[in-house]
Amino acid sequence: MIHYYFGSGKGKTSAAVGACIRAAGNGLRCAAVQFLKNGTSGETVLLRHCGIDVFACDFEGIRFFSQMTPDERARVILAHNRNLRSVIAGRYQLLVLDELSDAVQKQAVDPELVTQVLALPETEIIVTGHRREERFMACADYITEFQCIAHPFQKGQTARRGIEY
């Protein structure tokens, strides 16, 4: 089954990570793939500690995709595609694809690889992202929209380690 968590509200990644930890705690083989992130946020440490495979763009200097040079974008796209190939080969029972819908919208991932991942048999898949993506709306079994009512960022507060990342 496919879960799709999207929207402007906080908690999409946290919900996906919670489901991943629950699945791993029940003996399922799990992995998390972070798109448009470098794999250094706090949840990745815990996931790895729990024996969950984590895939991300594992190089420093990753910035907003729109601010990257063409060479940087090419590196990110290669990393995303490599990570998708790894999870296709990994025979996981639960996959978290964090910010995949954003990567799809920014054309930062091969759409054919995304199709292959979504078709994996006997795999629970959780996709997160900010803006609604019709591709995931059409195939998801669970759809949850996270809506931001208020956020400290709106008052100038920067992201805090351990809370927002």
C-alpha atoms as a PDB file:
ATOM      1  CA  MET A   1       0.000   0.000   0.000  1.00  0.00           C
ATOM      2  CA  ILE A   2       1.039   3.572  -0.588  1.00  0.00           C
ATOM      3  CA  HIS A   3       0.733   6.353   1.986  1.00  0.00           C
ATOM      4  CA  TYR A   4       0.994   9.957   0.829  1.00  0.00           C
ATOM      5  CA  TYR A   5       1.669  12.689   3.408  1.00  0.00           C
ATOM      6  CA  PHE A   6       1.772  16.180   1.921  1.00  0.00           C
ATOM      7  CA  GLY A   7       1.144  19.803   2.751  1.00  0.00           C
ATOM      8  CA  SER A   8       2.623  22.914   4.304  1.00  0.00           C
ATOM      9  CA  GLY A   9       2.282  21.710   7.885  1.00  0.00           C
ATOM     10  CA  LYS A  10       5.017  20.334  10.130  1.00  0.00           C
ATOM     11  CA  GLY A  11       5.116  16.605  10.874  1.00  0.00           C
ATOM     12  CA  LYS A  12       5.193  14.741   7.551  1.00  0.00           C
ATOM     13  CA  THR A  13       8.675  13.332   8.009  1.00  0.00           C
ATOM     14  CA  SER A  14       8.071  12.693  11.697  1.00  0.00           C
ATOM     15  CA  ALA A  15       4.924  10.692  10.921  1.00  0.00           C
ATOM     16  CA  ALA A  16       6.738   8.696   8.244  1.00  0.00           C
ATOM     17  CA  VAL A  17       9.699   8.009  10.548  1.00  0.00           C
ATOM     18  CA  GLY A  18       7.328   6.913  13.310  1.00  0.00           C
ATOM     19  CA  ALA A  19       5.672   4.415  10.982  1.00  0.00           C
ATOM     20  CA  CYS A  20       9.107   3.170   9.910  1.00  0.00           C
ATOM     21  CA  ILE A  21      10.225   2.643  13.510  1.00  0.00           C
ATOM     22  CA  ARG A  22       6.967   0.813  14.277  1.00  0.00           C
ATOM     23  CA  ALA A  23       7.469  -1.469  11.283  1.00  0.00           C
ATOM     24  CA  ALA A  24      11.115  -2.157  12.181  1.00  0.00           C
ATOM     25  CA  GLY A  25      10.081  -2.874  15.762  1.00  0.00           C
ATOM     26  CA  ASN A  26       7.763  -5.535  14.391  1.00  0.00           C
ATOM     27  CA  GLY A  27      10.531  -7.170  12.401  1.00  0.00           C
ATOM     28  CA  LEU A  28       9.957  -5.629   8.960  1.00  0.00           C
ATOM     29  CA  ARG A  29      12.958  -4.787   6.792  1.00  0.00           C
ATOM     30  CA  CYS A  30      12.825  -1.000   6.362  1.00  0.00           C
ATOM     31  CA  ALA A  31      14.621   1.802   4.559  1.00  0.00           C
ATOM     32  CA  ALA A  32      14.285   5.558   4.317  1.00  0.00           C
ATOM     33  CA  VAL A  33      15.332   7.655   1.332  1.00  0.00           C
ATOM     34  CA  GLN A  34      15.697  11.401   1.769  1.00  0.00           C
ATOM     35  CA  PHE A  35      15.333  13.533  -1.336  1.00  0.00           C
ATOM     36  CA  LEU A  36      16.701  17.081  -1.500  1.00  0.00           C
ATOM     37  CA  LYS A  37      18.319  16.538   1.932  1.00  0.00           C
ATOM     38  CA  ASN A  38      21.832  15.488   2.923  1.00  0.00           C
ATOM     39  CA  GLY A  39      21.006  12.785   5.470  1.00  0.00           C
ATOM     40  CA  THR A  40      22.266  14.630   8.541  1.00  0.00           C
ATOM     41  CA  SER A  41      18.969  15.452  10.250  1.00  0.00           C
ATOM     42  CA  GLY A  42      18.356  13.969  13.676  1.00  0.00           C
ATOM     43  CA  GLU A  43      15.949  11.257  12.590  1.00  0.00           C
ATOM     44  CA  THR A  44      18.538   9.618  10.333  1.00  0.00           C
ATOM     45  CA  VAL A  45      20.787   8.922  13.344  1.00  0.00           C
ATOM     46  CA  LEU A  46      17.967   7.134  15.159  1.00  0.00           C
ATOM     47  CA  LEU A  47      16.856   5.221  12.067  1.00  0.00           C
ATOM     48  CA  ARG A  48      20.382   3.914  11.501  1.00  0.00           C
ATOM     49  CA  HIS A  49      20.673   3.053  15.195  1.00  0.00           C
ATOM     50  CA  CYS A  50      17.495   0.960  14.823  1.00  0.00           C
ATOM     51  CA  GLY A  51      19.037  -0.960  11.913  1.00  0.00           C
ATOM     52  CA  ILE A  52      17.067   0.894   9.254  1.00  0.00           C
ATOM     53  CA  ASP A  53      18.930   1.661   6.036  1.00  0.00           C
ATOM     54  CA  VAL A  54      19.042   5.376   5.212  1.00  0.00           C
ATOM     55  CA  PHE A  55      19.847   6.751   1.768  1.00  0.00           C
ATOM     56  CA  ALA A  56      20.434  10.451   1.055  1.00  0.00           C
ATOM     57  CA  CYS A  57      22.595  12.847  -0.925  1.00  0.00           C
ATOM     58  CA  ASP A  58      25.646  12.167   1.189  1.00  0.00           C
ATOM     59  CA  PHE A  59      27.730  15.156   0.246  1.00  0.00           C
ATOM     60  CA  GLU A  60      28.111  18.519   1.926  1.00  0.00           C
ATOM     61  CA  GLY A  61      26.860  21.760   0.527  1.00  0.00           C
ATOM     62  CA  ILE A  62      23.412  20.613  -0.554  1.00  0.00           C
ATOM     63  CA  ARG A  63      21.189  23.694  -0.816  1.00  0.00           C
ATOM     64  CA  PHE A  64      17.778  24.515  -2.138  1.00  0.00           C
ATOM     65  CA  PHE A  65      17.499  22.925  -5.585  1.00  0.00           C
ATOM     66  CA  SER A  66      16.627  26.275  -7.177  1.00  0.00           C
ATOM     67  CA  GLN A  67      19.910  27.741  -5.869  1.00  0.00           C
ATOM     68  CA  MET A  68      22.140  24.946  -7.192  1.00  0.00           C
ATOM     69  CA  THR A  69      24.407  25.212 -10.186  1.00  0.00           C
ATOM     70  CA  PRO A  70      23.691  22.850 -13.096  1.00  0.00           C
ATOM     71  CA  ASP A  71      26.595  20.643 -11.963  1.00  0.00           C
ATOM     72  CA  GLU A  72      25.251  20.481  -8.406  1.00  0.00           C
ATOM     73  CA  ARG A  73      21.794  19.591  -9.703  1.00  0.00           C
ATOM     74  CA  ALA A  74      23.268  16.831 -11.841  1.00  0.00           C
ATOM     75  CA  ARG A  75      25.063  15.385  -8.770  1.00  0.00           C
ATOM     76  CA  VAL A  76      21.830  15.448  -6.767  1.00  0.00           C
ATOM     77  CA  ILE A  77      19.853  13.771  -9.548  1.00  0.00           C
ATOM     78  CA  LEU A  78      22.503  11.050  -9.877  1.00  0.00           C
ATOM     79  CA  ALA A  79      22.428  10.470  -6.114  1.00  0.00           C
ATOM     80  CA  HIS A  80      18.622  10.282  -6.043  1.00  0.00           C
ATOM     81  CA  ASN A  81      18.544   7.813  -8.917  1.00  0.00           C
ATOM     82  CA  ARG A  82      21.310   5.701  -7.339  1.00  0.00           C
ATOM     83  CA  ASN A  83      19.357   5.606  -4.078  1.00  0.00           C
ATOM     84  CA  LEU A  84      16.169   4.524  -5.832  1.00  0.00           C
ATOM     85  CA  ARG A  85      18.034   1.718  -7.591  1.00  0.00           C
ATOM     86  CA  SER A  86      19.375   0.608  -4.207  1.00  0.00           C
ATOM     87  CA  VAL A  87      15.939   0.360  -2.620  1.00  0.00           C
ATOM     88  CA  ILE A  88      14.536  -1.415  -5.677  1.00  0.00           C
ATOM     89  CA  ALA A  89      17.243  -4.058  -5.243  1.00  0.00           C
ATOM     90  CA  GLY A  90      16.947  -4.119  -1.448  1.00  0.00           C
ATOM     91  CA  ARG A  91      13.690  -6.048  -1.064  1.00  0.00           C
ATOM     92  CA  TYR A  92      12.389  -3.845   1.726  1.00  0.00           C
ATOM     93  CA  GLN A  93       9.006  -4.348   3.323  1.00  0.00           C
ATOM     94  CA  LEU A  94       8.551  -0.665   4.196  1.00  0.00           C
ATOM     95  CA  LEU A  95      10.046   2.333   2.423  1.00  0.00           C
ATOM     96  CA  VAL A  96       9.926   5.967   3.473  1.00  0.00           C
ATOM     97  CA  LEU A  97      10.469   8.240   0.463  1.00  0.00           C
ATOM     98  CA  ASP A  98      10.889  11.570   2.230  1.00  0.00           C
ATOM     99  CA  GLU A  99      10.288  14.629   0.011  1.00  0.00           C
ATOM    100  CA  LEU A 100       9.875  12.435  -3.065  1.00  0.00           C
ATOM    101  CA  SER A 101       6.933  14.456  -4.351  1.00  0.00           C
ATOM    102  CA  ASP A 102       9.086  17.612  -4.202  1.00  0.00           C
ATOM    103  CA  ALA A 103      11.874  15.834  -6.087  1.00  0.00           C
ATOM    104  CA  VAL A 104       9.367  14.711  -8.741  1.00  0.00           C
ATOM    105  CA  GLN A 105       7.999  18.235  -9.129  1.00  0.00           C
ATOM    106  CA  LYS A 106      11.528  19.650  -9.498  1.00  0.00           C
ATOM    107  CA  GLN A 107      12.474  16.924 -11.984  1.00  0.00           C
ATOM    108  CA  ALA A 108      15.263  15.881  -9.620  1.00  0.00           C
ATOM    109  CA  VAL A 109      14.632  12.151 -10.065  1.00  0.00           C
ATOM    110  CA  ASP A 110      14.045   9.745 -12.955  1.00  0.00           C
ATOM    111  CA  PRO A 111      10.249   9.271 -13.247  1.00  0.00           C
ATOM    112  CA  GLU A 112      10.722   5.708 -14.541  1.00  0.00           C
ATOM    113  CA  LEU A 113      12.589   4.758 -11.357  1.00  0.00           C
ATOM    114  CA  VAL A 114       9.769   6.285  -9.313  1.00  0.00           C
ATOM    115  CA  THR A 115       7.296   4.126 -11.251  1.00  0.00           C
ATOM    116  CA  GLN A 116       9.389   1.036 -10.517  1.00  0.00           C
ATOM    117  CA  VAL A 117       9.537   1.808  -6.794  1.00  0.00           C
ATOM    118  CA  LEU A 118       5.803   2.441  -6.564  1.00  0.00           C
ATOM    119  CA  ALA A 119       5.182  -0.944  -8.189  1.00  0.00           C
ATOM    120  CA  LEU A 120       7.357  -2.950  -5.787  1.00  0.00           C
ATOM    121  CA  PRO A 121       5.402  -5.991  -4.616  1.00  0.00           C
ATOM    122  CA  GLU A 122       4.753  -6.584  -0.924  1.00  0.00           C
ATOM    123  CA  THR A 123       6.217  -3.191   0.011  1.00  0.00           C
ATOM    124  CA  GLU A 124       4.505  -0.553   2.122  1.00  0.00           C
ATOM    125  CA  ILE A 125       5.554   2.831   0.753  1.00  0.00           C
ATOM    126  CA  ILE A 126       5.301   6.220   2.441  1.00  0.00           C
ATOM    127  CA  VAL A 127       5.809   9.298   0.245  1.00  0.00           C
ATOM    128  CA  THR A 128       6.094  12.796   1.727  1.00  0.00           C
ATOM    129  CA  GLY A 129       6.264  16.253   0.199  1.00  0.00           C
ATOM    130  CA  HIS A 130       5.057  19.810   0.425  1.00  0.00           C
ATOM    131  CA  ARG A 131       2.808  20.435  -2.545  1.00  0.00           C
ATOM    132  CA  ARG A 132       0.071  18.120  -3.751  1.00  0.00           C
ATOM    133  CA  GLU A 133       1.301  15.888  -6.580  1.00  0.00           C
ATOM    134  CA  GLU A 134      -1.420  14.242  -8.653  1.00  0.00           C
ATOM    135  CA  ARG A 135       0.744  11.240  -9.479  1.00  0.00           C
ATOM    136  CA  PHE A 136       0.724  10.208  -5.808  1.00  0.00           C
ATOM    137  CA  MET A 137      -2.875  11.238  -5.217  1.00  0.00           C
ATOM    138  CA  ALA A 138      -3.934   8.809  -7.964  1.00  0.00           C
ATOM    139  CA  CYS A 139      -2.127   5.768  -6.558  1.00  0.00           C
ATOM    140  CA  ALA A 140      -2.166   6.288  -2.775  1.00  0.00           C
ATOM    141  CA  ASP A 141      -4.222   4.134  -0.454  1.00  0.00           C
ATOM    142  CA  TYR A 142      -3.745   6.541   2.482  1.00  0.00           C
ATOM    143  CA  ILE A 143      -3.695  10.295   1.859  1.00  0.00           C
ATOM    144  CA  THR A 144      -3.049  12.752   4.674  1.00  0.00           C
ATOM    145  CA  GLU A 145      -2.728  16.506   4.184  1.00  0.00           C
ATOM    146  CA  PHE A 146      -0.733  18.478   6.749  1.00  0.00           C
ATOM    147  CA  GLN A 147      -1.895  22.076   6.946  1.00  0.00           C
ATOM    148  CA  CYS A 148       0.147  24.860   8.524  1.00  0.00           C
ATOM    149  CA  ILE A 149      -1.938  27.167  10.695  1.00  0.00           C
ATOM    150  CA  ALA A 150       1.018  28.849  12.412  1.00  0.00           C
ATOM    151  CA  HIS A 151       4.769  28.281  12.360  1.00  0.00           C
ATOM    152  CA  PRO A 152       7.629  30.114  14.123  1.00  0.00           C
ATOM    153  CA  PHE A 153       9.337  30.579  10.732  1.00  0.00           C
ATOM    154  CA  GLN A 154       6.565  33.060   9.889  1.00  0.00           C
ATOM    155  CA  LYS A 155       7.871  35.206  12.773  1.00  0.00           C
ATOM    156  CA  GLY A 156      11.501  34.974  11.664  1.00  0.00           C
ATOM    157  CA  GLN A 157      12.542  31.974  13.786  1.00  0.00           C
ATOM    158  CA  THR A 158      15.111  29.832  12.013  1.00  0.00           C
ATOM    159  CA  ALA A 159      14.944  26.019  12.043  1.00  0.00           C
ATOM    160  CA  ARG A 160      16.122  24.484  15.319  1.00  0.00           C
ATOM    161  CA  ARG A 161      18.238  21.339  15.520  1.00  0.00           C
ATOM    162  CA  GLY A 162      16.291  18.588  17.244  1.00  0.00           C
ATOM    163  CA  ILE A 163      12.923  20.215  16.564  1.00  0.00           C
ATOM    164  CA  GLU A 164      12.662  21.023  12.846  1.00  0.00           C
ATOM    165  CA  TYR A 165      15.591  18.895  11.694  1.00  0.00           C
END
